[in-house]
Amino acid sequence: MAKKRKKQQDWDDWEDAPDDTMVAEGNGDQFQVHLEDYVIKEKVSAFVRCYAPCGEWDEGCKAFDEAQLRDFFKATVCGLGDPLRLYIEDLKMAGFSLEVSEATGQLAMFVRKRG
């Protein structure tokens, strides 16, 4: 007796479930995931509201190195690339920049608390 094929919606095995590269049923559009989908613009806005750019030796300066920026923005490298790059681009538009610290020789973003 021939085995009946299950309807597409009845996935007993996740290997058979559609992924983001498969065509959406009915309209022919494809689901696509982009690196930008991992960036939350409100995090950049919150950072800019809290901190202002400054020089390394300015009073009240705080240095955010790469690890601290990744932790702050929860920017983990994924299969689509590095979302930290996009956060840094947005911060650059707000006047922030990565600099090489004279004290440590490491890349850092120098900021001070607003207020």
N, C-alpha and C. Protein backbone atom coordinates (compact mmCIF):
# COMPACT_ATOMS: atom_id res chain seq x y z
N MET A 1 0.85 -1.18 0.00
CA MET A 1 0.00 0.00 0.00
C MET A 1 0.89 1.24 0.00
N ALA A 2 0.55 2.22 -0.79
CA ALA A 2 1.33 3.45 -0.92
C ALA A 2 1.17 4.29 0.34
N LYS A 3 2.29 4.85 0.77
CA LYS A 3 2.30 5.71 1.95
C LYS A 3 1.79 7.09 1.56
N LYS A 4 0.84 7.62 2.33
CA LYS A 4 0.30 8.95 2.04
C LYS A 4 1.29 10.01 2.52
N ARG A 5 1.44 11.04 1.72
CA ARG A 5 2.31 12.15 2.10
C ARG A 5 1.56 13.08 3.04
N LYS A 6 2.23 13.50 4.10
CA LYS A 6 1.61 14.40 5.07
C LYS A 6 1.45 15.79 4.47
N LYS A 7 0.48 16.52 4.99
CA LYS A 7 0.32 17.91 4.62
C LYS A 7 1.55 18.67 5.12
N GLN A 8 1.92 19.75 4.45
CA GLN A 8 3.11 20.50 4.79
C GLN A 8 3.08 21.02 6.22
N GLN A 9 1.90 21.31 6.77
CA GLN A 9 1.80 21.86 8.11
C GLN A 9 2.04 20.83 9.21
N ASP A 10 1.98 19.54 8.91
CA ASP A 10 2.12 18.50 9.92
C ASP A 10 3.55 17.98 9.97
N TRP A 11 4.43 18.69 10.67
CA TRP A 11 5.83 18.29 10.73
C TRP A 11 6.09 17.53 12.02
N ASP A 12 6.27 16.22 11.90
CA ASP A 12 6.66 15.42 13.06
C ASP A 12 8.15 15.50 13.27
N ASP A 13 8.87 15.79 12.22
CA ASP A 13 10.32 15.84 12.28
C ASP A 13 10.74 17.24 11.85
N TRP A 14 11.46 17.95 12.69
CA TRP A 14 11.85 19.33 12.39
C TRP A 14 12.72 19.43 11.14
N GLU A 15 13.34 18.33 10.73
CA GLU A 15 14.14 18.36 9.51
C GLU A 15 13.26 18.64 8.29
N ASP A 16 11.98 18.28 8.38
CA ASP A 16 11.07 18.50 7.27
C ASP A 16 10.40 19.86 7.32
N ALA A 17 10.56 20.60 8.41
CA ALA A 17 9.92 21.90 8.55
C ALA A 17 10.60 22.91 7.63
N PRO A 18 9.84 23.86 7.09
CA PRO A 18 10.46 24.85 6.21
C PRO A 18 11.38 25.76 7.01
N ASP A 19 12.43 26.23 6.38
CA ASP A 19 13.30 27.19 7.03
C ASP A 19 13.14 28.54 6.34
N ASP A 20 13.98 29.51 6.74
CA ASP A 20 13.82 30.87 6.22
C ASP A 20 14.19 31.03 4.76
N THR A 21 14.71 29.97 4.13
CA THR A 21 15.05 30.07 2.71
C THR A 21 13.96 29.47 1.82
N MET A 22 12.97 28.83 2.43
CA MET A 22 11.91 28.20 1.64
C MET A 22 10.83 29.22 1.28
N VAL A 23 10.13 28.95 0.22
CA VAL A 23 9.10 29.85 -0.26
C VAL A 23 7.89 29.80 0.66
N ALA A 24 7.36 30.98 0.99
CA ALA A 24 6.17 31.05 1.83
C ALA A 24 4.99 30.50 1.04
N GLU A 25 4.14 29.75 1.72
CA GLU A 25 3.01 29.11 1.06
C GLU A 25 2.02 30.16 0.57
N GLY A 26 1.64 30.06 -0.67
CA GLY A 26 0.57 30.89 -1.20
C GLY A 26 1.01 32.13 -1.93
N ASN A 27 2.06 32.85 -1.50
CA ASN A 27 2.35 34.11 -2.16
C ASN A 27 3.69 34.13 -2.90
N GLY A 28 4.51 33.10 -2.78
CA GLY A 28 5.75 33.03 -3.52
C GLY A 28 6.87 33.90 -2.96
N ASP A 29 6.60 34.67 -1.89
CA ASP A 29 7.66 35.47 -1.28
C ASP A 29 8.60 34.58 -0.49
N GLN A 30 9.86 35.00 -0.40
CA GLN A 30 10.80 34.25 0.40
C GLN A 30 11.04 34.97 1.72
N PHE A 31 11.19 34.19 2.77
CA PHE A 31 11.58 34.74 4.06
C PHE A 31 13.09 34.88 4.02
N GLN A 32 13.60 36.04 4.36
CA GLN A 32 15.03 36.23 4.39
C GLN A 32 15.42 36.89 5.70
N VAL A 33 16.48 36.42 6.28
CA VAL A 33 17.00 36.98 7.51
C VAL A 33 18.27 37.74 7.16
N HIS A 34 18.39 38.95 7.68
CA HIS A 34 19.54 39.81 7.42
C HIS A 34 20.22 40.15 8.73
N LEU A 35 21.48 40.52 8.67
CA LEU A 35 22.23 40.91 9.86
C LEU A 35 21.53 42.06 10.59
N GLU A 36 20.91 42.96 9.83
CA GLU A 36 20.21 44.10 10.42
C GLU A 36 19.08 43.65 11.35
N ASP A 37 18.56 42.44 11.14
CA ASP A 37 17.49 41.93 11.99
C ASP A 37 17.97 41.67 13.41
N TYR A 38 19.28 41.61 13.61
CA TYR A 38 19.86 41.36 14.93
C TYR A 38 20.24 42.64 15.65
N VAL A 39 20.03 43.78 15.02
CA VAL A 39 20.39 45.07 15.60
C VAL A 39 19.13 45.75 16.11
N ILE A 40 19.17 46.18 17.37
CA ILE A 40 18.03 46.86 17.99
C ILE A 40 18.39 48.34 18.12
N LYS A 41 17.77 49.16 17.30
CA LYS A 41 18.10 50.59 17.23
C LYS A 41 17.87 51.30 18.57
N GLU A 42 16.92 50.83 19.35
CA GLU A 42 16.65 51.45 20.65
C GLU A 42 17.85 51.33 21.59
N LYS A 43 18.67 50.29 21.41
CA LYS A 43 19.88 50.15 22.24
C LYS A 43 20.86 51.27 21.92
N VAL A 44 20.99 51.61 20.65
CA VAL A 44 21.87 52.72 20.26
C VAL A 44 21.33 54.03 20.84
N SER A 45 20.03 54.23 20.73
CA SER A 45 19.42 55.45 21.28
C SER A 45 19.64 55.56 22.78
N ALA A 46 19.51 54.46 23.49
CA ALA A 46 19.72 54.46 24.94
C ALA A 46 21.18 54.81 25.26
N PHE A 47 22.11 54.24 24.52
CA PHE A 47 23.53 54.52 24.72
C PHE A 47 23.81 56.00 24.51
N VAL A 48 23.27 56.57 23.43
CA VAL A 48 23.49 57.98 23.10
C VAL A 48 22.86 58.89 24.15
N ARG A 49 21.69 58.51 24.69
CA ARG A 49 21.06 59.32 25.75
C ARG A 49 21.88 59.28 27.03
N CYS A 50 22.57 58.18 27.29
CA CYS A 50 23.31 58.01 28.54
C CYS A 50 24.74 58.56 28.46
N TYR A 51 25.37 58.43 27.29
CA TYR A 51 26.79 58.78 27.15
C TYR A 51 27.01 59.82 26.05
N ALA A 52 28.08 60.57 26.22
CA ALA A 52 28.54 61.52 25.20
C ALA A 52 29.97 61.15 24.84
N PRO A 53 30.39 61.38 23.59
CA PRO A 53 31.77 61.09 23.23
C PRO A 53 32.73 62.03 23.95
N CYS A 54 33.92 61.55 24.23
CA CYS A 54 34.93 62.38 24.87
C CYS A 54 36.31 61.85 24.52
N GLY A 55 37.33 62.56 24.99
CA GLY A 55 38.71 62.14 24.80
C GLY A 55 39.14 61.21 25.92
N GLU A 56 40.18 60.43 25.64
CA GLU A 56 40.64 59.43 26.61
C GLU A 56 41.03 60.03 27.96
N TRP A 57 41.56 61.24 27.95
CA TRP A 57 42.06 61.83 29.19
C TRP A 57 41.09 62.84 29.79
N ASP A 58 39.89 62.97 29.24
CA ASP A 58 38.89 63.89 29.80
C ASP A 58 38.40 63.38 31.15
N GLU A 59 38.00 64.33 31.99
CA GLU A 59 37.47 63.97 33.31
C GLU A 59 36.18 63.16 33.15
N GLY A 60 36.05 62.10 33.91
CA GLY A 60 34.86 61.25 33.87
C GLY A 60 34.82 60.29 32.69
N CYS A 61 35.95 60.14 32.00
CA CYS A 61 35.99 59.28 30.81
C CYS A 61 35.87 57.81 31.19
N LYS A 62 35.09 57.11 30.42
CA LYS A 62 34.97 55.65 30.55
C LYS A 62 35.31 55.06 29.20
N ALA A 63 36.13 54.02 29.20
CA ALA A 63 36.52 53.37 27.94
C ALA A 63 35.70 52.10 27.77
N PHE A 64 35.03 51.98 26.63
CA PHE A 64 34.34 50.75 26.25
C PHE A 64 35.22 50.04 25.23
N ASP A 65 35.83 48.92 25.63
CA ASP A 65 36.59 48.15 24.66
C ASP A 65 35.62 47.25 23.89
N GLU A 66 36.14 46.47 22.95
CA GLU A 66 35.26 45.66 22.10
C GLU A 66 34.40 44.70 22.92
N ALA A 67 35.00 44.06 23.91
CA ALA A 67 34.23 43.10 24.73
C ALA A 67 33.11 43.80 25.49
N GLN A 68 33.38 44.99 26.00
CA GLN A 68 32.35 45.73 26.74
C GLN A 68 31.24 46.22 25.81
N LEU A 69 31.61 46.64 24.60
CA LEU A 69 30.58 47.03 23.63
C LEU A 69 29.72 45.84 23.24
N ARG A 70 30.36 44.68 23.00
CA ARG A 70 29.59 43.47 22.68
C ARG A 70 28.64 43.11 23.80
N ASP A 71 29.12 43.22 25.05
CA ASP A 71 28.28 42.89 26.19
C ASP A 71 27.14 43.89 26.33
N PHE A 72 27.42 45.18 26.19
CA PHE A 72 26.40 46.21 26.32
C PHE A 72 25.28 46.01 25.29
N PHE A 73 25.66 45.78 24.03
CA PHE A 73 24.69 45.65 22.96
C PHE A 73 24.23 44.22 22.73
N LYS A 74 24.81 43.26 23.47
CA LYS A 74 24.51 41.83 23.27
C LYS A 74 24.73 41.48 21.80
N ALA A 75 25.86 41.95 21.26
CA ALA A 75 26.20 41.80 19.84
C ALA A 75 27.13 40.61 19.66
N THR A 76 26.54 39.45 19.49
CA THR A 76 27.30 38.22 19.31
C THR A 76 27.42 37.92 17.82
N VAL A 77 28.62 37.55 17.41
CA VAL A 77 28.83 37.18 16.01
C VAL A 77 27.95 35.98 15.69
N CYS A 78 27.28 36.03 14.53
CA CYS A 78 26.40 34.94 14.12
C CYS A 78 26.75 34.53 12.70
N GLY A 79 26.03 33.59 12.15
CA GLY A 79 26.28 33.10 10.81
C GLY A 79 26.13 34.16 9.73
N LEU A 80 25.42 35.23 10.03
CA LEU A 80 25.21 36.29 9.05
C LEU A 80 26.27 37.38 9.12
N GLY A 81 27.11 37.33 10.17
CA GLY A 81 28.16 38.33 10.31
C GLY A 81 28.23 38.86 11.73
N ASP A 82 28.78 40.05 11.86
CA ASP A 82 29.02 40.66 13.17
C ASP A 82 28.11 41.87 13.36
N PRO A 83 27.08 41.75 14.21
CA PRO A 83 26.19 42.89 14.41
C PRO A 83 26.86 44.08 15.09
N LEU A 84 27.99 43.85 15.78
CA LEU A 84 28.68 44.97 16.43
C LEU A 84 29.11 46.00 15.39
N ARG A 85 29.45 45.55 14.20
CA ARG A 85 29.82 46.46 13.12
C ARG A 85 28.70 47.45 12.85
N LEU A 86 27.46 46.98 12.85
CA LEU A 86 26.32 47.86 12.59
C LEU A 86 26.07 48.81 13.76
N TYR A 87 26.25 48.31 14.99
CA TYR A 87 26.10 49.19 16.15
C TYR A 87 27.14 50.31 16.10
N ILE A 88 28.38 49.96 15.75
CA ILE A 88 29.45 50.96 15.69
C ILE A 88 29.16 51.98 14.58
N GLU A 89 28.64 51.52 13.45
CA GLU A 89 28.27 52.46 12.38
C GLU A 89 27.21 53.44 12.86
N ASP A 90 26.20 52.95 13.59
CA ASP A 90 25.15 53.84 14.12
C ASP A 90 25.73 54.81 15.15
N LEU A 91 26.63 54.33 16.00
CA LEU A 91 27.25 55.20 16.99
C LEU A 91 28.13 56.26 16.32
N LYS A 92 28.79 55.88 15.24
CA LYS A 92 29.62 56.84 14.49
C LYS A 92 28.76 57.98 13.97
N MET A 93 27.56 57.66 13.51
CA MET A 93 26.64 58.70 13.02
C MET A 93 26.23 59.64 14.15
N ALA A 94 26.32 59.19 15.39
CA ALA A 94 25.96 60.01 16.55
C ALA A 94 27.18 60.72 17.13
N GLY A 95 28.35 60.60 16.47
CA GLY A 95 29.53 61.33 16.92
C GLY A 95 30.55 60.52 17.69
N PHE A 96 30.27 59.25 17.92
CA PHE A 96 31.21 58.39 18.65
C PHE A 96 32.20 57.78 17.66
N SER A 97 33.37 57.37 18.17
CA SER A 97 34.34 56.71 17.29
C SER A 97 35.20 55.76 18.11
N LEU A 98 35.74 54.78 17.42
CA LEU A 98 36.72 53.89 18.03
C LEU A 98 38.09 54.54 17.91
N GLU A 99 38.84 54.51 18.97
CA GLU A 99 40.18 55.08 19.00
C GLU A 99 41.12 54.04 19.58
N VAL A 100 42.41 54.22 19.33
CA VAL A 100 43.41 53.38 19.98
C VAL A 100 43.82 54.09 21.26
N SER A 101 43.66 53.40 22.38
CA SER A 101 44.01 53.96 23.67
C SER A 101 45.51 54.17 23.79
N GLU A 102 45.90 55.35 24.21
CA GLU A 102 47.32 55.62 24.46
C GLU A 102 47.81 54.82 25.66
N ALA A 103 46.91 54.56 26.60
CA ALA A 103 47.29 53.85 27.82
C ALA A 103 47.46 52.35 27.59
N THR A 104 46.57 51.76 26.80
CA THR A 104 46.59 50.30 26.65
C THR A 104 46.99 49.82 25.26
N GLY A 105 46.90 50.70 24.26
CA GLY A 105 47.18 50.30 22.89
C GLY A 105 46.05 49.50 22.27
N GLN A 106 44.92 49.40 22.94
CA GLN A 106 43.76 48.64 22.46
C GLN A 106 42.69 49.59 21.91
N LEU A 107 41.85 49.06 21.02
CA LEU A 107 40.73 49.85 20.52
C LEU A 107 39.73 50.07 21.64
N ALA A 108 39.19 51.27 21.71
CA ALA A 108 38.18 51.59 22.71
C ALA A 108 37.35 52.76 22.22
N MET A 109 36.15 52.86 22.77
CA MET A 109 35.28 54.00 22.53
C MET A 109 35.24 54.77 23.84
N PHE A 110 35.69 56.02 23.81
CA PHE A 110 35.77 56.83 25.03
C PHE A 110 34.51 57.67 25.18
N VAL A 111 33.87 57.53 26.34
CA VAL A 111 32.60 58.20 26.60
C VAL A 111 32.61 58.75 28.01
N ARG A 112 31.67 59.67 28.26
CA ARG A 112 31.42 60.15 29.62
C ARG A 112 29.91 60.18 29.81
N LYS A 113 29.49 60.03 31.04
CA LYS A 113 28.05 60.08 31.36
C LYS A 113 27.53 61.47 31.07
N ARG A 114 26.35 61.52 30.48
CA ARG A 114 25.69 62.81 30.26
C ARG A 114 25.09 63.26 31.59
N GLY A 115 24.94 64.54 31.72
CA GLY A 115 24.23 64.98 32.91
C GLY A 115 24.86 66.10 33.54
